[in-house]
Amino acid sequence: MTFTGFLIMPLVGAAMGWFAYQFMGIYPYGIIVNLIVGAVGAVVIGGILAALGFALIPGIIGGVVLSGIGAAVALGVMNFVYRYIRF
């Protein structure tokens, strides 16, 4: 994955957080938290997937795909924790 792909990751993650807030009804803590969790999940989980060799598509498109997967996983975990564990 290129450096530009890593720069795109937080932006895609924040967009996924906004999408989850607006359309999917995942807003236990508000839009700001969704944006942050999406961006952090995109960078961390997307980076781990890229380091493990799951970046099958090179360049920016690969960064967008991996960051979308990372943000979706992070937002899903946040929603699960909110619904079933409740901090």
PDB file of N, CA and C in Angstrom:
ATOM      1  N   MET A   1       0.839  -1.168   0.000  1.00  0.00           N
ATOM      2  CA  MET A   1       0.000   0.000   0.000  1.00  0.00           C
ATOM      3  C   MET A   1       0.892   1.242   0.000  1.00  0.00           C
ATOM      4  N   THR A   2       0.467   2.239  -0.702  1.00  0.00           N
ATOM      5  CA  THR A   2       1.264   3.457  -0.825  1.00  0.00           C
ATOM      6  C   THR A   2       1.008   4.403   0.339  1.00  0.00           C
ATOM      7  N   PHE A   3       1.850   5.419   0.417  1.00  0.00           N
ATOM      8  CA  PHE A   3       1.697   6.436   1.460  1.00  0.00           C
ATOM      9  C   PHE A   3       0.375   7.180   1.293  1.00  0.00           C
ATOM     10  N   THR A   4      -0.022   7.418   0.068  1.00  0.00           N
ATOM     11  CA  THR A   4      -1.298   8.089  -0.186  1.00  0.00           C
ATOM     12  C   THR A   4      -2.464   7.240   0.305  1.00  0.00           C
ATOM     13  N   GLY A   5      -2.359   5.931   0.170  1.00  0.00           N
ATOM     14  CA  GLY A   5      -3.397   5.039   0.681  1.00  0.00           C
ATOM     15  C   GLY A   5      -3.553   5.176   2.187  1.00  0.00           C
ATOM     16  N   PHE A   6      -2.430   5.331   2.901  1.00  0.00           N
ATOM     17  CA  PHE A   6      -2.513   5.525   4.342  1.00  0.00           C
ATOM     18  C   PHE A   6      -3.056   6.901   4.705  1.00  0.00           C
ATOM     19  N   LEU A   7      -2.831   7.888   3.856  1.00  0.00           N
ATOM     20  CA  LEU A   7      -3.399   9.208   4.127  1.00  0.00           C
ATOM     21  C   LEU A   7      -4.907   9.228   3.938  1.00  0.00           C
ATOM     22  N   ILE A   8      -5.397   8.392   3.063  1.00  0.00           N
ATOM     23  CA  ILE A   8      -6.832   8.333   2.784  1.00  0.00           C
ATOM     24  C   ILE A   8      -7.587   7.619   3.905  1.00  0.00           C
ATOM     25  N   MET A   9      -6.930   6.739   4.625  1.00  0.00           N
ATOM     26  CA  MET A   9      -7.600   5.895   5.612  1.00  0.00           C
ATOM     27  C   MET A   9      -8.424   6.662   6.647  1.00  0.00           C
ATOM     28  N   PRO A  10      -7.892   7.677   7.335  1.00  0.00           N
ATOM     29  CA  PRO A  10      -8.727   8.358   8.329  1.00  0.00           C
ATOM     30  C   PRO A  10      -9.916   9.082   7.714  1.00  0.00           C
ATOM     31  N   LEU A  11      -9.755   9.566   6.498  1.00  0.00           N
ATOM     32  CA  LEU A  11     -10.874  10.248   5.841  1.00  0.00           C
ATOM     33  C   LEU A  11     -12.003   9.277   5.511  1.00  0.00           C
ATOM     34  N   VAL A  12     -11.635   8.111   5.022  1.00  0.00           N
ATOM     35  CA  VAL A  12     -12.644   7.097   4.719  1.00  0.00           C
ATOM     36  C   VAL A  12     -13.292   6.598   6.007  1.00  0.00           C
ATOM     37  N   GLY A  13     -12.493   6.425   7.048  1.00  0.00           N
ATOM     38  CA  GLY A  13     -13.040   5.995   8.330  1.00  0.00           C
ATOM     39  C   GLY A  13     -14.017   6.997   8.904  1.00  0.00           C
ATOM     40  N   ALA A  14     -13.686   8.280   8.810  1.00  0.00           N
ATOM     41  CA  ALA A  14     -14.611   9.312   9.288  1.00  0.00           C
ATOM     42  C   ALA A  14     -15.882   9.323   8.444  1.00  0.00           C
ATOM     43  N   ALA A  15     -15.748   9.111   7.145  1.00  0.00           N
ATOM     44  CA  ALA A  15     -16.935   9.045   6.287  1.00  0.00           C
ATOM     45  C   ALA A  15     -17.809   7.846   6.657  1.00  0.00           C
ATOM     46  N   MET A  16     -17.169   6.713   6.985  1.00  0.00           N
ATOM     47  CA  MET A  16     -17.934   5.547   7.423  1.00  0.00           C
ATOM     48  C   MET A  16     -18.641   5.824   8.744  1.00  0.00           C
ATOM     49  N   GLY A  17     -17.989   6.542   9.646  1.00  0.00           N
ATOM     50  CA  GLY A  17     -18.626   6.917  10.910  1.00  0.00           C
ATOM     51  C   GLY A  17     -19.822   7.817  10.685  1.00  0.00           C
ATOM     52  N   TRP A  18     -19.683   8.760   9.769  1.00  0.00           N
ATOM     53  CA  TRP A  18     -20.810   9.638   9.444  1.00  0.00           C
ATOM     54  C   TRP A  18     -21.944   8.839   8.814  1.00  0.00           C
ATOM     55  N   PHE A  19     -21.613   7.914   7.924  1.00  0.00           N
ATOM     56  CA  PHE A  19     -22.623   7.072   7.287  1.00  0.00           C
ATOM     57  C   PHE A  19     -23.364   6.235   8.328  1.00  0.00           C
ATOM     58  N   ALA A  20     -22.611   5.656   9.255  1.00  0.00           N
ATOM     59  CA  ALA A  20     -23.244   4.847  10.303  1.00  0.00           C
ATOM     60  C   ALA A  20     -24.155   5.706  11.170  1.00  0.00           C
ATOM     61  N   TYR A  21     -23.748   6.938  11.415  1.00  0.00           N
ATOM     62  CA  TYR A  21     -24.568   7.840  12.225  1.00  0.00           C
ATOM     63  C   TYR A  21     -25.846   8.235  11.500  1.00  0.00           C
ATOM     64  N   GLN A  22     -25.734   8.570  10.221  1.00  0.00           N
ATOM     65  CA  GLN A  22     -26.868   9.096   9.470  1.00  0.00           C
ATOM     66  C   GLN A  22     -27.859   8.032   9.018  1.00  0.00           C
ATOM     67  N   PHE A  23     -27.365   6.930   8.501  1.00  0.00           N
ATOM     68  CA  PHE A  23     -28.235   6.006   7.794  1.00  0.00           C
ATOM     69  C   PHE A  23     -28.469   4.671   8.502  1.00  0.00           C
ATOM     70  N   MET A  24     -27.547   4.242   9.332  1.00  0.00           N
ATOM     71  CA  MET A  24     -27.678   2.921   9.927  1.00  0.00           C
ATOM     72  C   MET A  24     -28.187   2.954  11.356  1.00  0.00           C
ATOM     73  N   GLY A  25     -28.298   4.124  11.936  1.00  0.00           N
ATOM     74  CA  GLY A  25     -28.802   4.220  13.292  1.00  0.00           C
ATOM     75  C   GLY A  25     -27.801   3.803  14.348  1.00  0.00           C
ATOM     76  N   ILE A  26     -26.525   3.834  14.036  1.00  0.00           N
ATOM     77  CA  ILE A  26     -25.491   3.516  15.022  1.00  0.00           C
ATOM     78  C   ILE A  26     -25.000   4.834  15.601  1.00  0.00           C
ATOM     79  N   TYR A  27     -25.627   5.272  16.669  1.00  0.00           N
ATOM     80  CA  TYR A  27     -25.233   6.534  17.284  1.00  0.00           C
ATOM     81  C   TYR A  27     -25.385   6.489  18.792  1.00  0.00           C
ATOM     82  N   PRO A  28     -24.775   5.510  19.430  1.00  0.00           N
ATOM     83  CA  PRO A  28     -24.931   5.459  20.878  1.00  0.00           C
ATOM     84  C   PRO A  28     -24.238   6.606  21.609  1.00  0.00           C
ATOM     85  N   TYR A  29     -23.161   7.099  21.065  1.00  0.00           N
ATOM     86  CA  TYR A  29     -22.412   8.140  21.748  1.00  0.00           C
ATOM     87  C   TYR A  29     -22.361   9.458  20.982  1.00  0.00           C
ATOM     88  N   GLY A  30     -22.973   9.552  19.824  1.00  0.00           N
ATOM     89  CA  GLY A  30     -23.002  10.787  19.059  1.00  0.00           C
ATOM     90  C   GLY A  30     -22.115  10.741  17.829  1.00  0.00           C
ATOM     91  N   ILE A  31     -22.269  11.752  17.003  1.00  0.00           N
ATOM     92  CA  ILE A  31     -21.565  11.777  15.723  1.00  0.00           C
ATOM     93  C   ILE A  31     -20.061  11.964  15.883  1.00  0.00           C
ATOM     94  N   ILE A  32     -19.628  12.748  16.856  1.00  0.00           N
ATOM     95  CA  ILE A  32     -18.194  12.985  17.039  1.00  0.00           C
ATOM     96  C   ILE A  32     -17.480  11.674  17.368  1.00  0.00           C
ATOM     97  N   VAL A  33     -18.069  10.888  18.260  1.00  0.00           N
ATOM     98  CA  VAL A  33     -17.458   9.609  18.623  1.00  0.00           C
ATOM     99  C   VAL A  33     -17.471   8.659  17.430  1.00  0.00           C
ATOM    100  N   ASN A  34     -18.546   8.667  16.647  1.00  0.00           N
ATOM    101  CA  ASN A  34     -18.590   7.826  15.447  1.00  0.00           C
ATOM    102  C   ASN A  34     -17.487   8.210  14.473  1.00  0.00           C
ATOM    103  N   LEU A  35     -17.265   9.497  14.276  1.00  0.00           N
ATOM    104  CA  LEU A  35     -16.197   9.944  13.376  1.00  0.00           C
ATOM    105  C   LEU A  35     -14.833   9.499  13.880  1.00  0.00           C
ATOM    106  N   ILE A  36     -14.602   9.641  15.181  1.00  0.00           N
ATOM    107  CA  ILE A  36     -13.300   9.280  15.749  1.00  0.00           C
ATOM    108  C   ILE A  36     -13.095   7.768  15.704  1.00  0.00           C
ATOM    109  N   VAL A  37     -14.120   7.004  16.109  1.00  0.00           N
ATOM    110  CA  VAL A  37     -13.984   5.541  16.090  1.00  0.00           C
ATOM    111  C   VAL A  37     -13.792   5.032  14.662  1.00  0.00           C
ATOM    112  N   GLY A  38     -14.507   5.617  13.715  1.00  0.00           N
ATOM    113  CA  GLY A  38     -14.332   5.222  12.321  1.00  0.00           C
ATOM    114  C   GLY A  38     -12.935   5.509  11.811  1.00  0.00           C
ATOM    115  N   ALA A  39     -12.412   6.692  12.117  1.00  0.00           N
ATOM    116  CA  ALA A  39     -11.071   7.060  11.651  1.00  0.00           C
ATOM    117  C   ALA A  39      -9.994   6.212  12.312  1.00  0.00           C
ATOM    118  N   VAL A  40     -10.090   6.019  13.627  1.00  0.00           N
ATOM    119  CA  VAL A  40      -9.086   5.213  14.335  1.00  0.00           C
ATOM    120  C   VAL A  40      -9.163   3.755  13.899  1.00  0.00           C
ATOM    121  N   GLY A  41     -10.377   3.228  13.757  1.00  0.00           N
ATOM    122  CA  GLY A  41     -10.529   1.850  13.295  1.00  0.00           C
ATOM    123  C   GLY A  41      -9.986   1.656  11.895  1.00  0.00           C
ATOM    124  N   ALA A  42     -10.204   2.646  11.045  1.00  0.00           N
ATOM    125  CA  ALA A  42      -9.694   2.549   9.678  1.00  0.00           C
ATOM    126  C   ALA A  42      -8.177   2.504   9.660  1.00  0.00           C
ATOM    127  N   VAL A  43      -7.544   3.340  10.462  1.00  0.00           N
ATOM    128  CA  VAL A  43      -6.077   3.381  10.462  1.00  0.00           C
ATOM    129  C   VAL A  43      -5.494   2.144  11.132  1.00  0.00           C
ATOM    130  N   VAL A  44      -6.020   1.786  12.304  1.00  0.00           N
ATOM    131  CA  VAL A  44      -5.437   0.673  13.055  1.00  0.00           C
ATOM    132  C   VAL A  44      -5.728  -0.667  12.373  1.00  0.00           C
ATOM    133  N   ILE A  45      -6.998  -0.975  12.162  1.00  0.00           N
ATOM    134  CA  ILE A  45      -7.352  -2.271  11.584  1.00  0.00           C
ATOM    135  C   ILE A  45      -6.926  -2.344  10.116  1.00  0.00           C
ATOM    136  N   GLY A  46      -7.107  -1.241   9.382  1.00  0.00           N
ATOM    137  CA  GLY A  46      -6.644  -1.218   7.997  1.00  0.00           C
ATOM    138  C   GLY A  46      -5.143  -1.371   7.897  1.00  0.00           C
ATOM    139  N   GLY A  47      -4.400  -0.754   8.812  1.00  0.00           N
ATOM    140  CA  GLY A  47      -2.947  -0.904   8.835  1.00  0.00           C
ATOM    141  C   GLY A  47      -2.512  -2.315   9.158  1.00  0.00           C
ATOM    142  N   ILE A  48      -3.209  -2.941  10.107  1.00  0.00           N
ATOM    143  CA  ILE A  48      -2.889  -4.326  10.451  1.00  0.00           C
ATOM    144  C   ILE A  48      -3.159  -5.247   9.263  1.00  0.00           C
ATOM    145  N   LEU A  49      -4.298  -5.056   8.612  1.00  0.00           N
ATOM    146  CA  LEU A  49      -4.612  -5.880   7.446  1.00  0.00           C
ATOM    147  C   LEU A  49      -3.588  -5.675   6.334  1.00  0.00           C
ATOM    148  N   ALA A  50      -3.156  -4.438   6.129  1.00  0.00           N
ATOM    149  CA  ALA A  50      -2.153  -4.169   5.099  1.00  0.00           C
ATOM    150  C   ALA A  50      -0.815  -4.820   5.454  1.00  0.00           C
ATOM    151  N   ALA A  51      -0.446  -4.768   6.742  1.00  0.00           N
ATOM    152  CA  ALA A  51       0.818  -5.367   7.164  1.00  0.00           C
ATOM    153  C   ALA A  51       0.784  -6.886   7.046  1.00  0.00           C
ATOM    154  N   LEU A  52      -0.397  -7.473   7.212  1.00  0.00           N
ATOM    155  CA  LEU A  52      -0.526  -8.920   7.094  1.00  0.00           C
ATOM    156  C   LEU A  52      -0.639  -9.390   5.643  1.00  0.00           C
ATOM    157  N   GLY A  53      -0.713  -8.436   4.726  1.00  0.00           N
ATOM    158  CA  GLY A  53      -0.728  -8.789   3.316  1.00  0.00           C
ATOM    159  C   GLY A  53      -2.102  -8.918   2.690  1.00  0.00           C
ATOM    160  N   PHE A  54      -3.098  -8.350   3.310  1.00  0.00           N
ATOM    161  CA  PHE A  54      -4.450  -8.420   2.768  1.00  0.00           C
ATOM    162  C   PHE A  54      -4.748  -7.325   1.753  1.00  0.00           C
ATOM    163  N   ALA A  55      -3.770  -6.497   1.437  1.00  0.00           N
ATOM    164  CA  ALA A  55      -3.964  -5.422   0.464  1.00  0.00           C
ATOM    165  C   ALA A  55      -3.832  -6.012  -0.940  1.00  0.00           C
ATOM    166  N   LEU A  56      -4.911  -6.562  -1.434  1.00  0.00           N
ATOM    167  CA  LEU A  56      -4.886  -7.197  -2.746  1.00  0.00           C
ATOM    168  C   LEU A  56      -4.939  -6.194  -3.885  1.00  0.00           C
ATOM    169  N   ILE A  57      -5.491  -5.028  -3.601  1.00  0.00           N
ATOM    170  CA  ILE A  57      -5.596  -3.980  -4.606  1.00  0.00           C
ATOM    171  C   ILE A  57      -4.562  -2.909  -4.267  1.00  0.00           C
ATOM    172  N   PRO A  58      -3.654  -2.589  -5.164  1.00  0.00           N
ATOM    173  CA  PRO A  58      -2.614  -1.620  -4.832  1.00  0.00           C
ATOM    174  C   PRO A  58      -3.122  -0.183  -4.891  1.00  0.00           C
ATOM    175  N   GLY A  59      -2.420   0.683  -4.198  1.00  0.00           N
ATOM    176  CA  GLY A  59      -2.663   2.117  -4.294  1.00  0.00           C
ATOM    177  C   GLY A  59      -3.808   2.622  -3.442  1.00  0.00           C
ATOM    178  N   ILE A  60      -4.409   3.690  -3.932  1.00  0.00           N
ATOM    179  CA  ILE A  60      -5.450   4.380  -3.184  1.00  0.00           C
ATOM    180  C   ILE A  60      -6.695   3.507  -3.019  1.00  0.00           C
ATOM    181  N   ILE A  61      -7.054   2.775  -4.035  1.00  0.00           N
ATOM    182  CA  ILE A  61      -8.244   1.924  -3.957  1.00  0.00           C
ATOM    183  C   ILE A  61      -8.071   0.876  -2.861  1.00  0.00           C
ATOM    184  N   GLY A  62      -6.899   0.311  -2.753  1.00  0.00           N
ATOM    185  CA  GLY A  62      -6.634  -0.654  -1.687  1.00  0.00           C
ATOM    186  C   GLY A  62      -6.748  -0.022  -0.315  1.00  0.00           C
ATOM    187  N   GLY A  63      -6.262   1.200  -0.178  1.00  0.00           N
ATOM    188  CA  GLY A  63      -6.398   1.924   1.089  1.00  0.00           C
ATOM    189  C   GLY A  63      -7.841   2.197   1.445  1.00  0.00           C
ATOM    190  N   VAL A  64      -8.634   2.540   0.446  1.00  0.00           N
ATOM    191  CA  VAL A  64     -10.055   2.805   0.682  1.00  0.00           C
ATOM    192  C   VAL A  64     -10.769   1.529   1.111  1.00  0.00           C
ATOM    193  N   VAL A  65     -10.475   0.420   0.453  1.00  0.00           N
ATOM    194  CA  VAL A  65     -11.130  -0.851   0.785  1.00  0.00           C
ATOM    195  C   VAL A  65     -10.745  -1.291   2.195  1.00  0.00           C
ATOM    196  N   LEU A  66      -9.458  -1.289   2.504  1.00  0.00           N
ATOM    197  CA  LEU A  66      -9.014  -1.725   3.827  1.00  0.00           C
ATOM    198  C   LEU A  66      -9.502  -0.797   4.931  1.00  0.00           C
ATOM    199  N   SER A  67      -9.510   0.499   4.677  1.00  0.00           N
ATOM    200  CA  SER A  67      -9.987   1.417   5.707  1.00  0.00           C
ATOM    201  C   SER A  67     -11.490   1.291   5.897  1.00  0.00           C
ATOM    202  N   GLY A  68     -12.216   1.006   4.836  1.00  0.00           N
ATOM    203  CA  GLY A  68     -13.654   0.763   4.980  1.00  0.00           C
ATOM    204  C   GLY A  68     -13.925  -0.466   5.829  1.00  0.00           C
ATOM    205  N   ILE A  69     -13.153  -1.522   5.612  1.00  0.00           N
ATOM    206  CA  ILE A  69     -13.293  -2.732   6.415  1.00  0.00           C
ATOM    207  C   ILE A  69     -12.939  -2.438   7.870  1.00  0.00           C
ATOM    208  N   GLY A  70     -11.850  -1.724   8.082  1.00  0.00           N
ATOM    209  CA  GLY A  70     -11.423  -1.395   9.446  1.00  0.00           C
ATOM    210  C   GLY A  70     -12.429  -0.536  10.185  1.00  0.00           C
ATOM    211  N   ALA A  71     -12.971   0.461   9.510  1.00  0.00           N
ATOM    212  CA  ALA A  71     -13.961   1.327  10.145  1.00  0.00           C
ATOM    213  C   ALA A  71     -15.237   0.562  10.453  1.00  0.00           C
ATOM    214  N   ALA A  72     -15.663  -0.304   9.535  1.00  0.00           N
ATOM    215  CA  ALA A  72     -16.878  -1.087   9.765  1.00  0.00           C
ATOM    216  C   ALA A  72     -16.705  -2.017  10.966  1.00  0.00           C
ATOM    217  N   VAL A  73     -15.539  -2.637  11.090  1.00  0.00           N
ATOM    218  CA  VAL A  73     -15.285  -3.521  12.228  1.00  0.00           C
ATOM    219  C   VAL A  73     -15.285  -2.721  13.527  1.00  0.00           C
ATOM    220  N   ALA A  74     -14.606  -1.585  13.546  1.00  0.00           N
ATOM    221  CA  ALA A  74     -14.538  -0.775  14.766  1.00  0.00           C
ATOM    222  C   ALA A  74     -15.912  -0.250  15.167  1.00  0.00           C
ATOM    223  N   LEU A  75     -16.696   0.210  14.214  1.00  0.00           N
ATOM    224  CA  LEU A  75     -18.043   0.691  14.523  1.00  0.00           C
ATOM    225  C   LEU A  75     -18.958  -0.445  14.957  1.00  0.00           C
ATOM    226  N   GLY A  76     -18.780  -1.614  14.362  1.00  0.00           N
ATOM    227  CA  GLY A  76     -19.566  -2.769  14.784  1.00  0.00           C
ATOM    228  C   GLY A  76     -19.245  -3.186  16.213  1.00  0.00           C
ATOM    229  N   VAL A  77     -17.961  -3.169  16.566  1.00  0.00           N
ATOM    230  CA  VAL A  77     -17.569  -3.490  17.940  1.00  0.00           C
ATOM    231  C   VAL A  77     -18.136  -2.455  18.905  1.00  0.00           C
ATOM    232  N   MET A  78     -18.066  -1.182  18.540  1.00  0.00           N
ATOM    233  CA  MET A  78     -18.622  -0.137  19.402  1.00  0.00           C
ATOM    234  C   MET A  78     -20.122  -0.339  19.602  1.00  0.00           C
ATOM    235  N   ASN A  79     -20.838  -0.649  18.537  1.00  0.00           N
ATOM    236  CA  ASN A  79     -22.275  -0.871  18.640  1.00  0.00           C
ATOM    237  C   ASN A  79     -22.579  -2.103  19.491  1.00  0.00           C
ATOM    238  N   PHE A  80     -21.803  -3.172  19.332  1.00  0.00           N
ATOM    239  CA  PHE A  80     -21.989  -4.375  20.136  1.00  0.00           C
ATOM    240  C   PHE A  80     -21.775  -4.081  21.614  1.00  0.00           C
ATOM    241  N   VAL A  81     -20.705  -3.358  21.920  1.00  0.00           N
ATOM    242  CA  VAL A  81     -20.413  -3.018  23.310  1.00  0.00           C
ATOM    243  C   VAL A  81     -21.538  -2.165  23.889  1.00  0.00           C
ATOM    244  N   TYR A  82     -22.037  -1.237  23.128  1.00  0.00           N
ATOM    245  CA  TYR A  82     -23.111  -0.378  23.620  1.00  0.00           C
ATOM    246  C   TYR A  82     -24.388  -1.174  23.876  1.00  0.00           C
ATOM    247  N   ARG A  83     -24.741  -2.076  22.977  1.00  0.00           N
ATOM    248  CA  ARG A  83     -25.995  -2.808  23.117  1.00  0.00           C
ATOM    249  C   ARG A  83     -25.956  -3.891  24.175  1.00  0.00           C
ATOM    250  N   TYR A  84     -24.842  -4.584  24.301  1.00  0.00           N
ATOM    251  CA  TYR A  84     -24.827  -5.769  25.148  1.00  0.00           C
ATOM    252  C   TYR A  84     -24.005  -5.641  26.421  1.00  0.00           C
ATOM    253  N   ILE A  85     -23.072  -4.725  26.451  1.00  0.00           N
ATOM    254  CA  ILE A  85     -22.229  -4.605  27.648  1.00  0.00           C
ATOM    255  C   ILE A  85     -22.561  -3.335  28.422  1.00  0.00           C
ATOM    256  N   ARG A  86     -22.842  -2.253  27.739  1.00  0.00           N
ATOM    257  CA  ARG A  86     -23.254  -0.977  28.342  1.00  0.00           C
ATOM    258  C   ARG A  86     -22.306  -0.457  29.400  1.00  0.00           C
ATOM    259  N   PHE A  87     -21.367   0.324  28.986  1.00  0.00           N
ATOM    260  CA  PHE A  87     -20.470   0.980  29.941  1.00  0.00           C
ATOM    261  C   PHE A  87     -21.169   2.138  30.569  1.00  0.00           C
TER     262      PHE A  87
END
